[in-house]
N, C-alpha and C. Protein backbone atom coordinates (compact mmCIF):
# COMPACT_ATOMS: atom_id res chain seq x y z
N MET A 1 -91.52 21.41 3.87
CA MET A 1 -90.34 20.63 3.57
C MET A 1 -90.57 19.88 2.25
N ASN A 2 -89.59 19.92 1.37
CA ASN A 2 -89.67 19.24 0.08
C ASN A 2 -89.08 17.84 0.23
N GLU A 3 -89.93 16.85 0.20
CA GLU A 3 -89.48 15.47 0.41
C GLU A 3 -89.55 14.70 -0.90
N LYS A 4 -88.44 14.10 -1.32
CA LYS A 4 -88.41 13.29 -2.54
C LYS A 4 -88.88 11.88 -2.22
N THR A 5 -89.71 11.37 -3.09
CA THR A 5 -90.10 9.97 -2.94
C THR A 5 -89.32 9.15 -3.96
N GLU A 6 -88.67 8.16 -3.48
CA GLU A 6 -87.84 7.31 -4.33
C GLU A 6 -88.63 6.08 -4.76
N THR A 7 -88.68 5.84 -6.05
CA THR A 7 -89.35 4.66 -6.57
C THR A 7 -88.31 3.56 -6.77
N ARG A 8 -88.60 2.41 -6.21
CA ARG A 8 -87.72 1.26 -6.38
C ARG A 8 -88.28 0.36 -7.46
N ASN A 9 -87.44 0.00 -8.41
CA ASN A 9 -87.81 -0.94 -9.45
C ASN A 9 -87.18 -2.29 -9.14
N MET A 10 -87.95 -3.34 -9.35
CA MET A 10 -87.46 -4.68 -9.06
C MET A 10 -87.67 -5.59 -10.27
N ALA A 11 -86.80 -6.56 -10.38
CA ALA A 11 -86.97 -7.65 -11.35
C ALA A 11 -87.15 -8.92 -10.53
N LEU A 12 -88.14 -9.69 -10.87
CA LEU A 12 -88.43 -10.92 -10.14
C LEU A 12 -88.17 -12.11 -11.06
N PHE A 13 -87.21 -12.93 -10.67
CA PHE A 13 -86.89 -14.15 -11.40
C PHE A 13 -87.22 -15.31 -10.47
N CYS A 14 -88.15 -16.13 -10.87
CA CYS A 14 -88.69 -17.17 -9.99
C CYS A 14 -88.35 -18.56 -10.53
N ASP A 15 -87.68 -19.35 -9.71
CA ASP A 15 -87.46 -20.76 -10.00
C ASP A 15 -88.75 -21.47 -9.59
N PHE A 16 -89.71 -21.43 -10.47
CA PHE A 16 -91.06 -21.86 -10.11
C PHE A 16 -91.17 -23.35 -9.87
N GLU A 17 -90.28 -24.11 -10.45
CA GLU A 17 -90.31 -25.55 -10.21
C GLU A 17 -90.11 -25.84 -8.72
N ASN A 18 -89.22 -25.12 -8.07
CA ASN A 18 -89.02 -25.30 -6.64
C ASN A 18 -90.22 -24.81 -5.84
N VAL A 19 -90.89 -23.78 -6.29
CA VAL A 19 -92.11 -23.32 -5.63
C VAL A 19 -93.17 -24.42 -5.71
N ALA A 20 -93.34 -24.98 -6.90
CA ALA A 20 -94.34 -26.04 -7.09
C ALA A 20 -94.03 -27.26 -6.23
N LEU A 21 -92.76 -27.63 -6.15
CA LEU A 21 -92.37 -28.77 -5.31
C LEU A 21 -92.62 -28.47 -3.83
N GLY A 22 -92.35 -27.26 -3.42
CA GLY A 22 -92.59 -26.86 -2.03
C GLY A 22 -94.07 -26.89 -1.67
N VAL A 23 -94.91 -26.42 -2.59
CA VAL A 23 -96.35 -26.46 -2.38
C VAL A 23 -96.82 -27.90 -2.23
N ARG A 24 -96.31 -28.76 -3.10
CA ARG A 24 -96.70 -30.18 -3.04
C ARG A 24 -96.22 -30.82 -1.74
N ASP A 25 -94.95 -30.59 -1.39
CA ASP A 25 -94.38 -31.22 -0.19
C ASP A 25 -95.04 -30.72 1.10
N ALA A 26 -95.52 -29.48 1.10
CA ALA A 26 -96.17 -28.93 2.29
C ALA A 26 -97.65 -29.30 2.35
N ASN A 27 -98.12 -30.02 1.32
CA ASN A 27 -99.52 -30.45 1.24
C ASN A 27 -100.50 -29.28 1.27
N TYR A 28 -100.13 -28.15 0.65
CA TYR A 28 -101.05 -27.03 0.53
C TYR A 28 -102.13 -27.41 -0.47
N SER A 29 -103.35 -27.02 -0.20
CA SER A 29 -104.42 -27.30 -1.16
C SER A 29 -104.31 -26.39 -2.38
N ALA A 30 -103.73 -25.20 -2.18
CA ALA A 30 -103.55 -24.25 -3.28
C ALA A 30 -102.43 -23.28 -2.91
N PHE A 31 -101.86 -22.67 -3.93
CA PHE A 31 -100.84 -21.65 -3.72
C PHE A 31 -101.20 -20.44 -4.56
N ASN A 32 -101.20 -19.27 -3.93
CA ASN A 32 -101.59 -18.04 -4.62
C ASN A 32 -100.37 -17.13 -4.74
N ILE A 33 -99.72 -17.15 -5.90
CA ILE A 33 -98.53 -16.33 -6.12
C ILE A 33 -98.89 -14.84 -6.11
N GLN A 34 -100.15 -14.52 -6.36
CA GLN A 34 -100.55 -13.11 -6.37
C GLN A 34 -100.34 -12.47 -5.00
N LYS A 35 -100.52 -13.22 -3.94
CA LYS A 35 -100.28 -12.68 -2.60
C LYS A 35 -98.81 -12.30 -2.42
N VAL A 36 -97.92 -13.11 -2.97
CA VAL A 36 -96.48 -12.80 -2.92
C VAL A 36 -96.20 -11.52 -3.69
N LEU A 37 -96.77 -11.40 -4.88
CA LEU A 37 -96.56 -10.22 -5.69
C LEU A 37 -97.11 -8.96 -5.03
N GLU A 38 -98.27 -9.07 -4.43
CA GLU A 38 -98.85 -7.92 -3.73
C GLU A 38 -97.94 -7.45 -2.60
N ARG A 39 -97.34 -8.39 -1.90
CA ARG A 39 -96.41 -8.04 -0.82
C ARG A 39 -95.17 -7.33 -1.37
N LEU A 40 -94.65 -7.83 -2.49
CA LEU A 40 -93.48 -7.21 -3.11
C LEU A 40 -93.80 -5.80 -3.60
N LEU A 41 -95.02 -5.58 -4.05
CA LEU A 41 -95.41 -4.26 -4.55
C LEU A 41 -95.38 -3.20 -3.45
N LEU A 42 -95.43 -3.62 -2.22
CA LEU A 42 -95.28 -2.67 -1.11
C LEU A 42 -93.87 -2.10 -1.06
N LYS A 43 -92.92 -2.83 -1.64
CA LYS A 43 -91.51 -2.41 -1.64
C LYS A 43 -91.16 -1.56 -2.86
N GLY A 44 -91.95 -1.66 -3.95
CA GLY A 44 -91.65 -0.91 -5.16
C GLY A 44 -92.36 -1.49 -6.36
N SER A 45 -91.92 -1.08 -7.54
CA SER A 45 -92.53 -1.54 -8.79
C SER A 45 -91.79 -2.76 -9.33
N ILE A 46 -92.56 -3.75 -9.74
CA ILE A 46 -91.98 -4.93 -10.38
C ILE A 46 -92.02 -4.67 -11.88
N VAL A 47 -90.85 -4.50 -12.47
CA VAL A 47 -90.79 -4.15 -13.89
C VAL A 47 -90.56 -5.36 -14.78
N VAL A 48 -90.04 -6.44 -14.22
CA VAL A 48 -89.83 -7.68 -14.97
C VAL A 48 -90.26 -8.84 -14.08
N LYS A 49 -91.04 -9.76 -14.64
CA LYS A 49 -91.44 -10.97 -13.92
C LYS A 49 -91.19 -12.14 -14.85
N LYS A 50 -90.26 -12.98 -14.47
CA LYS A 50 -89.92 -14.14 -15.30
C LYS A 50 -89.95 -15.37 -14.40
N ALA A 51 -90.67 -16.38 -14.83
CA ALA A 51 -90.77 -17.63 -14.07
C ALA A 51 -90.19 -18.76 -14.92
N TYR A 52 -89.26 -19.48 -14.35
CA TYR A 52 -88.60 -20.60 -15.03
C TYR A 52 -89.12 -21.91 -14.46
N CYS A 53 -89.40 -22.86 -15.34
CA CYS A 53 -89.92 -24.15 -14.89
C CYS A 53 -90.00 -25.08 -16.08
N ASP A 54 -90.09 -26.37 -15.83
CA ASP A 54 -90.43 -27.32 -16.88
C ASP A 54 -91.96 -27.31 -16.93
N TRP A 55 -92.51 -26.41 -17.72
CA TRP A 55 -93.94 -26.17 -17.72
C TRP A 55 -94.74 -27.37 -18.22
N ASP A 56 -94.12 -28.28 -18.93
CA ASP A 56 -94.83 -29.49 -19.35
C ASP A 56 -95.15 -30.38 -18.15
N ARG A 57 -94.30 -30.34 -17.14
CA ARG A 57 -94.51 -31.16 -15.93
C ARG A 57 -95.45 -30.48 -14.94
N TYR A 58 -95.58 -29.17 -15.02
CA TYR A 58 -96.39 -28.43 -14.05
C TYR A 58 -97.45 -27.60 -14.75
N LYS A 59 -98.22 -28.26 -15.60
CA LYS A 59 -99.22 -27.57 -16.42
C LYS A 59 -100.28 -26.87 -15.59
N GLU A 60 -100.67 -27.45 -14.46
CA GLU A 60 -101.71 -26.83 -13.65
C GLU A 60 -101.27 -25.47 -13.10
N PHE A 61 -99.98 -25.31 -12.83
CA PHE A 61 -99.46 -24.03 -12.37
C PHE A 61 -99.34 -23.04 -13.53
N LYS A 62 -98.98 -23.53 -14.70
CA LYS A 62 -98.82 -22.66 -15.86
C LYS A 62 -100.12 -21.95 -16.17
N LYS A 63 -101.22 -22.68 -16.14
CA LYS A 63 -102.52 -22.07 -16.43
C LYS A 63 -102.83 -20.96 -15.43
N THR A 64 -102.55 -21.21 -14.16
CA THR A 64 -102.78 -20.20 -13.13
C THR A 64 -101.92 -18.96 -13.37
N MET A 65 -100.65 -19.17 -13.70
CA MET A 65 -99.74 -18.04 -13.92
C MET A 65 -100.19 -17.21 -15.11
N GLN A 66 -100.73 -17.84 -16.13
CA GLN A 66 -101.15 -17.12 -17.34
C GLN A 66 -102.47 -16.38 -17.16
N THR A 67 -103.25 -16.76 -16.17
CA THR A 67 -104.56 -16.15 -16.00
C THR A 67 -104.63 -15.15 -14.86
N LEU A 68 -103.50 -14.83 -14.24
CA LEU A 68 -103.52 -13.80 -13.19
C LEU A 68 -103.97 -12.48 -13.82
N PRO A 69 -104.95 -11.82 -13.24
CA PRO A 69 -105.54 -10.66 -13.89
C PRO A 69 -104.64 -9.44 -14.01
N THR A 70 -103.78 -9.20 -13.06
CA THR A 70 -103.03 -7.94 -13.08
C THR A 70 -101.53 -8.11 -13.26
N PHE A 71 -101.05 -9.33 -13.32
CA PHE A 71 -99.61 -9.55 -13.38
C PHE A 71 -99.26 -10.42 -14.58
N ALA A 72 -98.67 -9.83 -15.60
CA ALA A 72 -98.24 -10.60 -16.77
C ALA A 72 -96.87 -11.20 -16.50
N TRP A 73 -96.73 -12.47 -16.74
CA TRP A 73 -95.48 -13.19 -16.52
C TRP A 73 -94.88 -13.61 -17.85
N SER A 74 -93.58 -13.65 -17.89
CA SER A 74 -92.88 -14.29 -19.00
C SER A 74 -92.52 -15.68 -18.51
N LEU A 75 -93.13 -16.70 -19.09
CA LEU A 75 -92.90 -18.08 -18.67
C LEU A 75 -91.88 -18.71 -19.60
N THR A 76 -90.80 -19.21 -19.03
CA THR A 76 -89.70 -19.75 -19.81
C THR A 76 -89.38 -21.16 -19.33
N ARG A 77 -89.13 -22.04 -20.30
CA ARG A 77 -88.71 -23.41 -19.94
C ARG A 77 -87.24 -23.40 -19.58
N TRP A 78 -86.86 -24.18 -18.59
CA TRP A 78 -85.45 -24.28 -18.20
C TRP A 78 -84.58 -24.68 -19.37
N THR A 79 -85.09 -25.53 -20.23
CA THR A 79 -84.27 -26.02 -21.34
C THR A 79 -83.90 -24.91 -22.31
N SER A 80 -84.62 -23.80 -22.27
CA SER A 80 -84.28 -22.69 -23.17
C SER A 80 -83.19 -21.80 -22.60
N VAL A 81 -82.88 -21.94 -21.31
CA VAL A 81 -81.84 -21.10 -20.71
C VAL A 81 -80.60 -21.88 -20.29
N ILE A 82 -80.71 -23.21 -20.27
CA ILE A 82 -79.57 -24.05 -19.91
C ILE A 82 -79.03 -24.68 -21.18
N PRO A 83 -77.74 -24.52 -21.46
CA PRO A 83 -77.17 -25.12 -22.67
C PRO A 83 -77.41 -26.62 -22.71
N SER A 84 -77.65 -27.14 -23.89
CA SER A 84 -77.95 -28.56 -24.01
C SER A 84 -76.74 -29.42 -23.70
N ARG A 85 -75.54 -28.90 -23.93
CA ARG A 85 -74.32 -29.65 -23.60
C ARG A 85 -73.49 -28.80 -22.65
N MET A 86 -73.44 -29.23 -21.41
CA MET A 86 -72.67 -28.50 -20.40
C MET A 86 -71.24 -29.01 -20.46
N SER A 87 -70.29 -28.10 -20.47
CA SER A 87 -68.88 -28.52 -20.47
C SER A 87 -68.41 -28.66 -19.03
N THR A 88 -67.55 -29.62 -18.81
CA THR A 88 -66.98 -29.83 -17.48
C THR A 88 -65.48 -29.61 -17.55
N PRO A 89 -64.90 -29.08 -16.46
CA PRO A 89 -63.45 -28.85 -16.48
C PRO A 89 -62.69 -30.16 -16.58
N SER A 90 -61.56 -30.12 -17.26
CA SER A 90 -60.72 -31.32 -17.43
C SER A 90 -59.94 -31.61 -16.19
């Protein structure tokens, strides 16, 4: 029987500031995002990984994200994706 294997591609967009707050509020001694990524890889290929956060406030997490051996992240500050002047309806 000729069976096709389907590859699933995923994009991961992470509101990392909320992850960091959750880790702090749960009093975890450490958080390993690599375990989350390894679990997602069971579902398919992660082709884009982007983490948004105010990295100046969460520097300890930024260093960890940049030093993961097998997963390159694009780290973006929220201020670069949110317009500086938000318009409100009249």
